[in-house]
Amino acid sequence: MAYSEEEILSGLAEIVNEETGLAVEAVEPDKSFVDDLDIDSISMMTIVVNAEEKFSVKIPDDKVKDLATVDDAVKYIKNAQD
């Protein structure tokens, strides 16, 4: 089953909340993982692994650096499903 962008955003927000304690509402598409949400590289890798499991996609390590914003991650996961 393919997830919509809204479902992916919601799922990512839950994953970020579990990993960092940030409020789900703080995880918005235009937010930068590093600059706005203050997520370090170790937490980011945990978030990526959890997102891969939740959405049944593969995010190669060399692509993680391209996921600067929440929207980048949502779009990557959306496209990886197809």
PDB file of N, CA and C in Angstrom:
ATOM      1  N   MET A   1       0.838  -1.187   0.000  1.00  0.00           N
ATOM      2  CA  MET A   1       0.000   0.000   0.000  1.00  0.00           C
ATOM      3  C   MET A   1       0.884   1.252   0.000  1.00  0.00           C
ATOM      4  N   ALA A   2       0.587   2.145  -0.913  1.00  0.00           N
ATOM      5  CA  ALA A   2       1.348   3.400  -0.988  1.00  0.00           C
ATOM      6  C   ALA A   2       0.743   4.412  -0.017  1.00  0.00           C
ATOM      7  N   TYR A   3       1.612   5.095   0.670  1.00  0.00           N
ATOM      8  CA  TYR A   3       1.181   6.131   1.613  1.00  0.00           C
ATOM      9  C   TYR A   3       1.078   7.477   0.899  1.00  0.00           C
ATOM     10  N   SER A   4       0.149   8.310   1.327  1.00  0.00           N
ATOM     11  CA  SER A   4       0.046   9.675   0.803  1.00  0.00           C
ATOM     12  C   SER A   4       1.099  10.536   1.490  1.00  0.00           C
ATOM     13  N   GLU A   5       1.343  11.724   0.914  1.00  0.00           N
ATOM     14  CA  GLU A   5       2.311  12.637   1.542  1.00  0.00           C
ATOM     15  C   GLU A   5       1.874  13.011   2.953  1.00  0.00           C
ATOM     16  N   GLU A   6       0.565  13.162   3.163  1.00  0.00           N
ATOM     17  CA  GLU A   6       0.060  13.507   4.499  1.00  0.00           C
ATOM     18  C   GLU A   6       0.339  12.376   5.491  1.00  0.00           C
ATOM     19  N   GLU A   7       0.135  11.133   5.038  1.00  0.00           N
ATOM     20  CA  GLU A   7       0.404   9.982   5.915  1.00  0.00           C
ATOM     21  C   GLU A   7       1.893   9.849   6.212  1.00  0.00           C
ATOM     22  N   ILE A   8       2.718  10.111   5.210  1.00  0.00           N
ATOM     23  CA  ILE A   8       4.167  10.049   5.414  1.00  0.00           C
ATOM     24  C   ILE A   8       4.604  11.134   6.395  1.00  0.00           C
ATOM     25  N   LEU A   9       4.108  12.345   6.210  1.00  0.00           N
ATOM     26  CA  LEU A   9       4.445  13.444   7.122  1.00  0.00           C
ATOM     27  C   LEU A   9       4.038  13.098   8.551  1.00  0.00           C
ATOM     28  N   SER A  10       2.842  12.592   8.711  1.00  0.00           N
ATOM     29  CA  SER A  10       2.355  12.218  10.038  1.00  0.00           C
ATOM     30  C   SER A  10       3.219  11.117  10.655  1.00  0.00           C
ATOM     31  N   GLY A  11       3.547  10.114   9.853  1.00  0.00           N
ATOM     32  CA  GLY A  11       4.393   9.016  10.337  1.00  0.00           C
ATOM     33  C   GLY A  11       5.787   9.488  10.697  1.00  0.00           C
ATOM     34  N   LEU A  12       6.353  10.360   9.867  1.00  0.00           N
ATOM     35  CA  LEU A  12       7.679  10.912  10.170  1.00  0.00           C
ATOM     36  C   LEU A  12       7.651  11.719  11.453  1.00  0.00           C
ATOM     37  N   ALA A  13       6.581  12.492  11.629  1.00  0.00           N
ATOM     38  CA  ALA A  13       6.453  13.307  12.842  1.00  0.00           C
ATOM     39  C   ALA A  13       6.439  12.413  14.080  1.00  0.00           C
ATOM     40  N   GLU A  14       5.745  11.273  13.991  1.00  0.00           N
ATOM     41  CA  GLU A  14       5.715  10.330  15.118  1.00  0.00           C
ATOM     42  C   GLU A  14       7.099   9.749  15.377  1.00  0.00           C
ATOM     43  N   ILE A  15       7.813   9.396  14.310  1.00  0.00           N
ATOM     44  CA  ILE A  15       9.163   8.828  14.454  1.00  0.00           C
ATOM     45  C   ILE A  15      10.101   9.862  15.084  1.00  0.00           C
ATOM     46  N   VAL A  16      10.048  11.104  14.603  1.00  0.00           N
ATOM     47  CA  VAL A  16      10.900  12.170  15.154  1.00  0.00           C
ATOM     48  C   VAL A  16      10.551  12.404  16.621  1.00  0.00           C
ATOM     49  N   ASN A  17       9.273  12.392  16.939  1.00  0.00           N
ATOM     50  CA  ASN A  17       8.829  12.567  18.321  1.00  0.00           C
ATOM     51  C   ASN A  17       9.388  11.469  19.219  1.00  0.00           C
ATOM     52  N   GLU A  18       9.316  10.218  18.765  1.00  0.00           N
ATOM     53  CA  GLU A  18       9.828   9.098  19.562  1.00  0.00           C
ATOM     54  C   GLU A  18      11.335   9.204  19.775  1.00  0.00           C
ATOM     55  N   GLU A  19      12.061   9.654  18.750  1.00  0.00           N
ATOM     56  CA  GLU A  19      13.523   9.708  18.825  1.00  0.00           C
ATOM     57  C   GLU A  19      14.021  10.924  19.604  1.00  0.00           C
ATOM     58  N   THR A  20      13.346  12.077  19.458  1.00  0.00           N
ATOM     59  CA  THR A  20      13.885  13.329  20.002  1.00  0.00           C
ATOM     60  C   THR A  20      13.039  13.957  21.096  1.00  0.00           C
ATOM     61  N   GLY A  21      11.766  13.546  21.189  1.00  0.00           N
ATOM     62  CA  GLY A  21      10.873  14.184  22.145  1.00  0.00           C
ATOM     63  C   GLY A  21      10.256  15.469  21.622  1.00  0.00           C
ATOM     64  N   LEU A  22      10.577  15.849  20.389  1.00  0.00           N
ATOM     65  CA  LEU A  22       9.969  17.039  19.791  1.00  0.00           C
ATOM     66  C   LEU A  22       8.471  16.825  19.610  1.00  0.00           C
ATOM     67  N   ALA A  23       7.711  17.878  19.758  1.00  0.00           N
ATOM     68  CA  ALA A  23       6.266  17.785  19.551  1.00  0.00           C
ATOM     69  C   ALA A  23       5.978  17.407  18.101  1.00  0.00           C
ATOM     70  N   VAL A  24       4.998  16.534  17.905  1.00  0.00           N
ATOM     71  CA  VAL A  24       4.608  16.107  16.564  1.00  0.00           C
ATOM     72  C   VAL A  24       4.283  17.324  15.696  1.00  0.00           C
ATOM     73  N   GLU A  25       3.638  18.331  16.287  1.00  0.00           N
ATOM     74  CA  GLU A  25       3.245  19.527  15.544  1.00  0.00           C
ATOM     75  C   GLU A  25       4.446  20.329  15.039  1.00  0.00           C
ATOM     76  N   ALA A  26       5.608  20.139  15.661  1.00  0.00           N
ATOM     77  CA  ALA A  26       6.810  20.891  15.264  1.00  0.00           C
ATOM     78  C   ALA A  26       7.407  20.363  13.956  1.00  0.00           C
ATOM     79  N   VAL A  27       7.049  19.154  13.580  1.00  0.00           N
ATOM     80  CA  VAL A  27       7.609  18.532  12.383  1.00  0.00           C
ATOM     81  C   VAL A  27       6.752  18.929  11.182  1.00  0.00           C
ATOM     82  N   GLU A  28       7.160  20.039  10.550  1.00  0.00           N
ATOM     83  CA  GLU A  28       6.430  20.595   9.410  1.00  0.00           C
ATOM     84  C   GLU A  28       7.290  20.461   8.157  1.00  0.00           C
ATOM     85  N   PRO A  29       6.642  20.432   6.978  1.00  0.00           N
ATOM     86  CA  PRO A  29       7.393  20.199   5.731  1.00  0.00           C
ATOM     87  C   PRO A  29       8.565  21.136   5.496  1.00  0.00           C
ATOM     88  N   ASP A  30       8.441  22.402   5.865  1.00  0.00           N
ATOM     89  CA  ASP A  30       9.510  23.367   5.572  1.00  0.00           C
ATOM     90  C   ASP A  30      10.625  23.382   6.611  1.00  0.00           C
ATOM     91  N   LYS A  31      10.532  22.555   7.625  1.00  0.00           N
ATOM     92  CA  LYS A  31      11.545  22.540   8.691  1.00  0.00           C
ATOM     93  C   LYS A  31      12.787  21.757   8.264  1.00  0.00           C
ATOM     94  N   SER A  32      13.948  22.309   8.578  1.00  0.00           N
ATOM     95  CA  SER A  32      15.215  21.626   8.356  1.00  0.00           C
ATOM     96  C   SER A  32      15.470  20.696   9.542  1.00  0.00           C
ATOM     97  N   PHE A  33      15.878  19.464   9.249  1.00  0.00           N
ATOM     98  CA  PHE A  33      16.158  18.519  10.331  1.00  0.00           C
ATOM     99  C   PHE A  33      17.250  19.055  11.257  1.00  0.00           C
ATOM    100  N   VAL A  34      18.309  19.628  10.683  1.00  0.00           N
ATOM    101  CA  VAL A  34      19.447  20.094  11.476  1.00  0.00           C
ATOM    102  C   VAL A  34      19.203  21.482  12.064  1.00  0.00           C
ATOM    103  N   ASP A  35      18.868  22.437  11.208  1.00  0.00           N
ATOM    104  CA  ASP A  35      18.780  23.834  11.645  1.00  0.00           C
ATOM    105  C   ASP A  35      17.546  24.134  12.488  1.00  0.00           C
ATOM    106  N   ASP A  36      16.392  23.604  12.092  1.00  0.00           N
ATOM    107  CA  ASP A  36      15.150  23.926  12.799  1.00  0.00           C
ATOM    108  C   ASP A  36      14.805  22.927  13.904  1.00  0.00           C
ATOM    109  N   LEU A  37      15.044  21.647  13.618  1.00  0.00           N
ATOM    110  CA  LEU A  37      14.640  20.610  14.578  1.00  0.00           C
ATOM    111  C   LEU A  37      15.804  20.135  15.441  1.00  0.00           C
ATOM    112  N   ASP A  38      17.022  20.609  15.130  1.00  0.00           N
ATOM    113  CA  ASP A  38      18.218  20.307  15.931  1.00  0.00           C
ATOM    114  C   ASP A  38      18.458  18.796  16.072  1.00  0.00           C
ATOM    115  N   ILE A  39      18.342  18.090  14.948  1.00  0.00           N
ATOM    116  CA  ILE A  39      18.540  16.638  14.942  1.00  0.00           C
ATOM    117  C   ILE A  39      19.976  16.354  14.508  1.00  0.00           C
ATOM    118  N   ASP A  40      20.708  15.608  15.333  1.00  0.00           N
ATOM    119  CA  ASP A  40      22.096  15.290  14.996  1.00  0.00           C
ATOM    120  C   ASP A  40      22.151  14.067  14.078  1.00  0.00           C
ATOM    121  N   SER A  41      23.355  13.757  13.592  1.00  0.00           N
ATOM    122  CA  SER A  41      23.500  12.696  12.596  1.00  0.00           C
ATOM    123  C   SER A  41      23.122  11.319  13.145  1.00  0.00           C
ATOM    124  N   ILE A  42      23.389  11.079  14.415  1.00  0.00           N
ATOM    125  CA  ILE A  42      23.037   9.779  15.000  1.00  0.00           C
ATOM    126  C   ILE A  42      21.523   9.624  15.091  1.00  0.00           C
ATOM    127  N   SER A  43      20.851  10.654  15.569  1.00  0.00           N
ATOM    128  CA  SER A  43      19.386  10.612  15.629  1.00  0.00           C
ATOM    129  C   SER A  43      18.790  10.513  14.224  1.00  0.00           C
ATOM    130  N   MET A  44      19.405  11.197  13.272  1.00  0.00           N
ATOM    131  CA  MET A  44      18.900  11.158  11.896  1.00  0.00           C
ATOM    132  C   MET A  44      18.971   9.744  11.344  1.00  0.00           C
ATOM    133  N   MET A  45      20.053   9.036  11.633  1.00  0.00           N
ATOM    134  CA  MET A  45      20.169   7.657  11.136  1.00  0.00           C
ATOM    135  C   MET A  45      19.095   6.765  11.766  1.00  0.00           C
ATOM    136  N   THR A  46      18.815   6.970  13.041  1.00  0.00           N
ATOM    137  CA  THR A  46      17.754   6.207  13.704  1.00  0.00           C
ATOM    138  C   THR A  46      16.405   6.516  13.067  1.00  0.00           C
ATOM    139  N   ILE A  47      16.169   7.788  12.788  1.00  0.00           N
ATOM    140  CA  ILE A  47      14.919   8.201  12.143  1.00  0.00           C
ATOM    141  C   ILE A  47      14.799   7.545  10.763  1.00  0.00           C
ATOM    142  N   VAL A  48      15.906   7.529  10.010  1.00  0.00           N
ATOM    143  CA  VAL A  48      15.903   6.919   8.676  1.00  0.00           C
ATOM    144  C   VAL A  48      15.579   5.428   8.770  1.00  0.00           C
ATOM    145  N   VAL A  49      16.234   4.718   9.679  1.00  0.00           N
ATOM    146  CA  VAL A  49      15.989   3.279   9.835  1.00  0.00           C
ATOM    147  C   VAL A  49      14.524   3.029  10.210  1.00  0.00           C
ATOM    148  N   ASN A  50      14.001   3.812  11.140  1.00  0.00           N
ATOM    149  CA  ASN A  50      12.601   3.639  11.540  1.00  0.00           C
ATOM    150  C   ASN A  50      11.640   3.972  10.399  1.00  0.00           C
ATOM    151  N   ALA A  51      11.979   4.987   9.608  1.00  0.00           N
ATOM    152  CA  ALA A  51      11.139   5.344   8.452  1.00  0.00           C
ATOM    153  C   ALA A  51      11.177   4.244   7.398  1.00  0.00           C
ATOM    154  N   GLU A  52      12.357   3.648   7.191  1.00  0.00           N
ATOM    155  CA  GLU A  52      12.461   2.541   6.242  1.00  0.00           C
ATOM    156  C   GLU A  52      11.547   1.390   6.656  1.00  0.00           C
ATOM    157  N   GLU A  53      11.551   1.077   7.943  1.00  0.00           N
ATOM    158  CA  GLU A  53      10.698  -0.006   8.449  1.00  0.00           C
ATOM    159  C   GLU A  53       9.221   0.353   8.337  1.00  0.00           C
ATOM    160  N   LYS A  54       8.868   1.565   8.752  1.00  0.00           N
ATOM    161  CA  LYS A  54       7.465   1.971   8.772  1.00  0.00           C
ATOM    162  C   LYS A  54       6.860   2.028   7.374  1.00  0.00           C
ATOM    163  N   PHE A  55       7.632   2.562   6.415  1.00  0.00           N
ATOM    164  CA  PHE A  55       7.086   2.784   5.070  1.00  0.00           C
ATOM    165  C   PHE A  55       7.550   1.749   4.046  1.00  0.00           C
ATOM    166  N   SER A  56       8.318   0.740   4.492  1.00  0.00           N
ATOM    167  CA  SER A  56       8.805  -0.331   3.601  1.00  0.00           C
ATOM    168  C   SER A  56       9.554   0.222   2.385  1.00  0.00           C
ATOM    169  N   VAL A  57      10.479   1.135   2.656  1.00  0.00           N
ATOM    170  CA  VAL A  57      11.320   1.696   1.601  1.00  0.00           C
ATOM    171  C   VAL A  57      12.783   1.562   2.017  1.00  0.00           C
ATOM    172  N   LYS A  58      13.677   1.759   1.056  1.00  0.00           N
ATOM    173  CA  LYS A  58      15.107   1.751   1.344  1.00  0.00           C
ATOM    174  C   LYS A  58      15.653   3.153   1.084  1.00  0.00           C
ATOM    175  N   ILE A  59      16.357   3.709   2.058  1.00  0.00           N
ATOM    176  CA  ILE A  59      16.994   5.015   1.905  1.00  0.00           C
ATOM    177  C   ILE A  59      18.502   4.788   2.038  1.00  0.00           C
ATOM    178  N   PRO A  60      19.219   4.736   0.910  1.00  0.00           N
ATOM    179  CA  PRO A  60      20.667   4.489   0.966  1.00  0.00           C
ATOM    180  C   PRO A  60      21.389   5.561   1.790  1.00  0.00           C
ATOM    181  N   ASP A  61      22.446   5.150   2.463  1.00  0.00           N
ATOM    182  CA  ASP A  61      23.193   6.073   3.317  1.00  0.00           C
ATOM    183  C   ASP A  61      23.628   7.323   2.557  1.00  0.00           C
ATOM    184  N   ASP A  62      24.018   7.164   1.281  1.00  0.00           N
ATOM    185  CA  ASP A  62      24.497   8.325   0.530  1.00  0.00           C
ATOM    186  C   ASP A  62      23.368   9.280   0.140  1.00  0.00           C
ATOM    187  N   LYS A  63      22.128   8.870   0.327  1.00  0.00           N
ATOM    188  CA  LYS A  63      20.985   9.750   0.038  1.00  0.00           C
ATOM    189  C   LYS A  63      20.528  10.521   1.276  1.00  0.00           C
ATOM    190  N   VAL A  64      20.900  10.071   2.452  1.00  0.00           N
ATOM    191  CA  VAL A  64      20.439  10.717   3.688  1.00  0.00           C
ATOM    192  C   VAL A  64      20.868  12.175   3.734  1.00  0.00           C
ATOM    193  N   LYS A  65      22.081  12.468   3.263  1.00  0.00           N
ATOM    194  CA  LYS A  65      22.573  13.858   3.274  1.00  0.00           C
ATOM    195  C   LYS A  65      21.717  14.778   2.411  1.00  0.00           C
ATOM    196  N   ASP A  66      20.994  14.212   1.438  1.00  0.00           N
ATOM    197  CA  ASP A  66      20.124  15.014   0.570  1.00  0.00           C
ATOM    198  C   ASP A  66      18.787  15.346   1.231  1.00  0.00           C
ATOM    199  N   LEU A  67      18.493  14.708   2.353  1.00  0.00           N
ATOM    200  CA  LEU A  67      17.218  14.924   3.039  1.00  0.00           C
ATOM    201  C   LEU A  67      17.378  16.036   4.073  1.00  0.00           C
ATOM    202  N   ALA A  68      17.485  17.253   3.595  1.00  0.00           N
ATOM    203  CA  ALA A  68      17.740  18.390   4.487  1.00  0.00           C
ATOM    204  C   ALA A  68      16.484  18.816   5.242  1.00  0.00           C
ATOM    205  N   THR A  69      15.356  18.779   4.553  1.00  0.00           N
ATOM    206  CA  THR A  69      14.111  19.221   5.183  1.00  0.00           C
ATOM    207  C   THR A  69      13.146  18.051   5.339  1.00  0.00           C
ATOM    208  N   VAL A  70      12.145  18.269   6.144  1.00  0.00           N
ATOM    209  CA  VAL A  70      11.103  17.254   6.337  1.00  0.00           C
ATOM    210  C   VAL A  70      10.451  16.946   4.985  1.00  0.00           C
ATOM    211  N   ASP A  71      10.207  17.987   4.191  1.00  0.00           N
ATOM    212  CA  ASP A  71       9.583  17.786   2.879  1.00  0.00           C
ATOM    213  C   ASP A  71      10.467  16.947   1.960  1.00  0.00           C
ATOM    214  N   ASP A  72      11.795  17.131   2.023  1.00  0.00           N
ATOM    215  CA  ASP A  72      12.711  16.307   1.226  1.00  0.00           C
ATOM    216  C   ASP A  72      12.500  14.834   1.572  1.00  0.00           C
ATOM    217  N   ALA A  73      12.392  14.537   2.852  1.00  0.00           N
ATOM    218  CA  ALA A  73      12.207  13.154   3.297  1.00  0.00           C
ATOM    219  C   ALA A  73      10.851  12.613   2.854  1.00  0.00           C
ATOM    220  N   VAL A  74       9.807  13.425   2.994  1.00  0.00           N
ATOM    221  CA  VAL A  74       8.461  13.000   2.581  1.00  0.00           C
ATOM    222  C   VAL A  74       8.458  12.661   1.098  1.00  0.00           C
ATOM    223  N   LYS A  75       9.021  13.546   0.273  1.00  0.00           N
ATOM    224  CA  LYS A  75       9.031  13.331  -1.175  1.00  0.00           C
ATOM    225  C   LYS A  75       9.879  12.112  -1.542  1.00  0.00           C
ATOM    226  N   TYR A  76      11.024  11.926  -0.861  1.00  0.00           N
ATOM    227  CA  TYR A  76      11.875  10.774  -1.151  1.00  0.00           C
ATOM    228  C   TYR A  76      11.125   9.476  -0.847  1.00  0.00           C
ATOM    229  N   ILE A  77      10.495   9.418   0.313  1.00  0.00           N
ATOM    230  CA  ILE A  77       9.758   8.209   0.699  1.00  0.00           C
ATOM    231  C   ILE A  77       8.598   7.973  -0.266  1.00  0.00           C
ATOM    232  N   LYS A  78       7.888   9.028  -0.624  1.00  0.00           N
ATOM    233  CA  LYS A  78       6.757   8.905  -1.565  1.00  0.00           C
ATOM    234  C   LYS A  78       7.233   8.302  -2.872  1.00  0.00           C
ATOM    235  N   ASN A  79       8.341   8.830  -3.420  1.00  0.00           N
ATOM    236  CA  ASN A  79       8.866   8.335  -4.698  1.00  0.00           C
ATOM    237  C   ASN A  79       9.458   6.936  -4.577  1.00  0.00           C
ATOM    238  N   ALA A  80      10.028   6.606  -3.423  1.00  0.00           N
ATOM    239  CA  ALA A  80      10.635   5.287  -3.231  1.00  0.00           C
ATOM    240  C   ALA A  80       9.584   4.176  -3.173  1.00  0.00           C
ATOM    241  N   GLN A  81       8.355   4.529  -2.882  1.00  0.00           N
ATOM    242  CA  GLN A  81       7.273   3.536  -2.808  1.00  0.00           C
ATOM    243  C   GLN A  81       6.847   3.058  -4.191  1.00  0.00           C
ATOM    244  N   ASP A  82       6.956   3.958  -5.182  1.00  0.00           N
ATOM    245  CA  ASP A  82       6.394   3.680  -6.507  1.00  0.00           C
ATOM    246  C   ASP A  82       7.200   2.644  -7.269  1.00  0.00           C
TER     247      ASP A  82
END
